[in-house]
Amino acid sequence: MLPTGTAEVIDDHEYPATTEELIEDCGDRTLELPNGSETVGDVLARLESETFESADDAQLAVYSAVSNKAVGRVGYSDRDPTPVGSPYSPDAVSF
């Protein structure tokens, strides 16, 4: 999900690093998502100010804070039955 070069910028940053430092350093990088795009800065701005101890911590924060643009079909699950009354319920079929 991270575009070419973004993971390297995050990896190359000196740690520990704050959310604000990462936004300043790589906030303009664009994440191309299945349903659009957003910048690393926009994603990290959703989080509270935090200090990341490692690049892995920072990357996990980016992965966990992306918007629903990263979700294929919102509300879709092929594992669980659709809850009763859900707007995503299929039309009833009578045989």
C-alpha atoms as a PDB file:
ATOM      1  CA  MET A   1       0.000   0.000   0.000  1.00  0.00           C
ATOM      2  CA  LEU A   2       2.819   2.442   0.679  1.00  0.00           C
ATOM      3  CA  PRO A   3       3.907   3.947  -2.650  1.00  0.00           C
ATOM      4  CA  THR A   4       7.419   3.497  -3.941  1.00  0.00           C
ATOM      5  CA  GLY A   5       9.842   5.409  -1.774  1.00  0.00           C
ATOM      6  CA  THR A   6       7.533   6.073   1.184  1.00  0.00           C
ATOM      7  CA  ALA A   7       8.570   2.974   3.131  1.00  0.00           C
ATOM      8  CA  GLU A   8      12.216   3.872   2.515  1.00  0.00           C
ATOM      9  CA  VAL A   9      11.668   7.420   3.806  1.00  0.00           C
ATOM     10  CA  ILE A  10       9.987   6.028   6.914  1.00  0.00           C
ATOM     11  CA  ASP A  11      12.748   3.409   7.302  1.00  0.00           C
ATOM     12  CA  ASP A  12      15.502   5.995   6.837  1.00  0.00           C
ATOM     13  CA  HIS A  13      14.051   8.418   9.358  1.00  0.00           C
ATOM     14  CA  GLU A  14      15.891   8.524  12.680  1.00  0.00           C
ATOM     15  CA  TYR A  15      13.969   6.938  15.567  1.00  0.00           C
ATOM     16  CA  PRO A  16      12.461   7.584  17.997  1.00  0.00           C
ATOM     17  CA  ALA A  17      10.399  10.066  15.973  1.00  0.00           C
ATOM     18  CA  THR A  18       7.196  11.952  16.652  1.00  0.00           C
ATOM     19  CA  THR A  19       4.108  12.062  14.480  1.00  0.00           C
ATOM     20  CA  GLU A  20       4.876  15.688  13.659  1.00  0.00           C
ATOM     21  CA  GLU A  21       8.434  14.875  12.540  1.00  0.00           C
ATOM     22  CA  LEU A  22       7.189  12.157  10.208  1.00  0.00           C
ATOM     23  CA  ILE A  23       4.513  14.458   8.771  1.00  0.00           C
ATOM     24  CA  GLU A  24       7.191  17.062   8.074  1.00  0.00           C
ATOM     25  CA  ASP A  25       9.579  14.520   6.534  1.00  0.00           C
ATOM     26  CA  CYS A  26       7.245  12.390   4.385  1.00  0.00           C
ATOM     27  CA  GLY A  27       3.778  13.909   4.739  1.00  0.00           C
ATOM     28  CA  ASP A  28       3.636  14.883   1.054  1.00  0.00           C
ATOM     29  CA  ARG A  29       4.021  11.272  -0.149  1.00  0.00           C
ATOM     30  CA  THR A  30       0.866   9.942  -1.808  1.00  0.00           C
ATOM     31  CA  LEU A  31      -0.715   6.619  -0.910  1.00  0.00           C
ATOM     32  CA  GLU A  32      -2.560   5.090  -3.855  1.00  0.00           C
ATOM     33  CA  LEU A  33      -5.553   3.231  -2.449  1.00  0.00           C
ATOM     34  CA  PRO A  34      -8.152   1.021  -4.178  1.00  0.00           C
ATOM     35  CA  ASN A  35     -10.756   3.803  -4.050  1.00  0.00           C
ATOM     36  CA  GLY A  36      -8.641   6.941  -4.348  1.00  0.00           C
ATOM     37  CA  SER A  37      -5.546   8.347  -2.723  1.00  0.00           C
ATOM     38  CA  GLU A  38      -4.405  10.377   0.263  1.00  0.00           C
ATOM     39  CA  THR A  39      -1.138  11.690   1.624  1.00  0.00           C
ATOM     40  CA  VAL A  40       0.883  10.203   4.448  1.00  0.00           C
ATOM     41  CA  GLY A  41       0.474  13.563   6.208  1.00  0.00           C
ATOM     42  CA  ASP A  42      -3.329  13.345   6.046  1.00  0.00           C
ATOM     43  CA  VAL A  43      -3.215   9.802   7.406  1.00  0.00           C
ATOM     44  CA  LEU A  44      -0.860  10.602  10.273  1.00  0.00           C
ATOM     45  CA  ALA A  45      -2.837  13.755  11.133  1.00  0.00           C
ATOM     46  CA  ARG A  46      -5.732  11.476  12.166  1.00  0.00           C
ATOM     47  CA  LEU A  47      -3.607  10.100  14.984  1.00  0.00           C
ATOM     48  CA  GLU A  48      -2.840  11.680  18.304  1.00  0.00           C
ATOM     49  CA  SER A  49       0.691  12.941  18.744  1.00  0.00           C
ATOM     50  CA  GLU A  50       2.833   9.912  19.366  1.00  0.00           C
ATOM     51  CA  THR A  51       6.475   8.918  19.503  1.00  0.00           C
ATOM     52  CA  PHE A  52       7.371   5.964  17.309  1.00  0.00           C
ATOM     53  CA  GLU A  53      10.254   3.836  18.548  1.00  0.00           C
ATOM     54  CA  SER A  54      10.936   2.197  15.174  1.00  0.00           C
ATOM     55  CA  ALA A  55      10.101   2.325  11.470  1.00  0.00           C
ATOM     56  CA  ASP A  56       7.850  -0.711  11.924  1.00  0.00           C
ATOM     57  CA  ASP A  57       5.791   1.175  14.507  1.00  0.00           C
ATOM     58  CA  ALA A  58       5.426   4.126  12.130  1.00  0.00           C
ATOM     59  CA  GLN A  59       4.413   1.937   9.181  1.00  0.00           C
ATOM     60  CA  LEU A  60       1.813   0.114  11.299  1.00  0.00           C
ATOM     61  CA  ALA A  61       0.390   3.486  12.334  1.00  0.00           C
ATOM     62  CA  VAL A  62       0.044   4.511   8.671  1.00  0.00           C
ATOM     63  CA  TYR A  63      -1.620   1.191   7.806  1.00  0.00           C
ATOM     64  CA  SER A  64      -4.065   1.474  10.696  1.00  0.00           C
ATOM     65  CA  ALA A  65      -5.069   5.097  10.032  1.00  0.00           C
ATOM     66  CA  VAL A  66      -5.915   5.035   6.318  1.00  0.00           C
ATOM     67  CA  SER A  67      -9.477   5.982   5.434  1.00  0.00           C
ATOM     68  CA  ASN A  68     -12.165   3.742   3.993  1.00  0.00           C
ATOM     69  CA  LYS A  69     -10.654   4.495   0.569  1.00  0.00           C
ATOM     70  CA  ALA A  70      -8.405   1.525   1.372  1.00  0.00           C
ATOM     71  CA  VAL A  71     -11.394  -0.812   1.748  1.00  0.00           C
ATOM     72  CA  GLY A  72     -12.578  -2.661  -1.340  1.00  0.00           C
ATOM     73  CA  ARG A  73     -16.328  -2.839  -0.663  1.00  0.00           C
ATOM     74  CA  VAL A  74     -17.487  -1.086   2.482  1.00  0.00           C
ATOM     75  CA  GLY A  75     -19.744  -3.341   4.543  1.00  0.00           C
ATOM     76  CA  TYR A  76     -18.923  -6.456   2.515  1.00  0.00           C
ATOM     77  CA  SER A  77     -17.943  -9.725   4.136  1.00  0.00           C
ATOM     78  CA  ASP A  78     -17.890 -13.152   2.556  1.00  0.00           C
ATOM     79  CA  ARG A  79     -17.530 -14.877   5.936  1.00  0.00           C
ATOM     80  CA  ASP A  80     -20.331 -13.581   8.107  1.00  0.00           C
ATOM     81  CA  PRO A  81     -24.054 -13.584   7.344  1.00  0.00           C
ATOM     82  CA  THR A  82     -25.530 -10.180   6.605  1.00  0.00           C
ATOM     83  CA  PRO A  83     -27.180  -8.791   9.756  1.00  0.00           C
ATOM     84  CA  VAL A  84     -30.961  -8.490   9.677  1.00  0.00           C
ATOM     85  CA  GLY A  85     -32.012  -5.027   8.520  1.00  0.00           C
ATOM     86  CA  SER A  86     -28.623  -4.171   7.027  1.00  0.00           C
ATOM     87  CA  PRO A  87     -28.719  -1.891   3.971  1.00  0.00           C
ATOM     88  CA  TYR A  88     -26.311  -4.378   2.374  1.00  0.00           C
ATOM     89  CA  SER A  89     -28.764  -7.296   2.621  1.00  0.00           C
ATOM     90  CA  PRO A  90     -29.537  -8.997  -0.687  1.00  0.00           C
ATOM     91  CA  ASP A  91     -33.095  -8.979  -1.965  1.00  0.00           C
ATOM     92  CA  ALA A  92     -35.166 -11.881  -0.642  1.00  0.00           C
ATOM     93  CA  VAL A  93     -35.770 -14.640  -3.176  1.00  0.00           C
ATOM     94  CA  SER A  94     -38.739 -16.981  -3.001  1.00  0.00           C
ATOM     95  CA  PHE A  95     -38.626 -20.394  -4.666  1.00  0.00           C
END
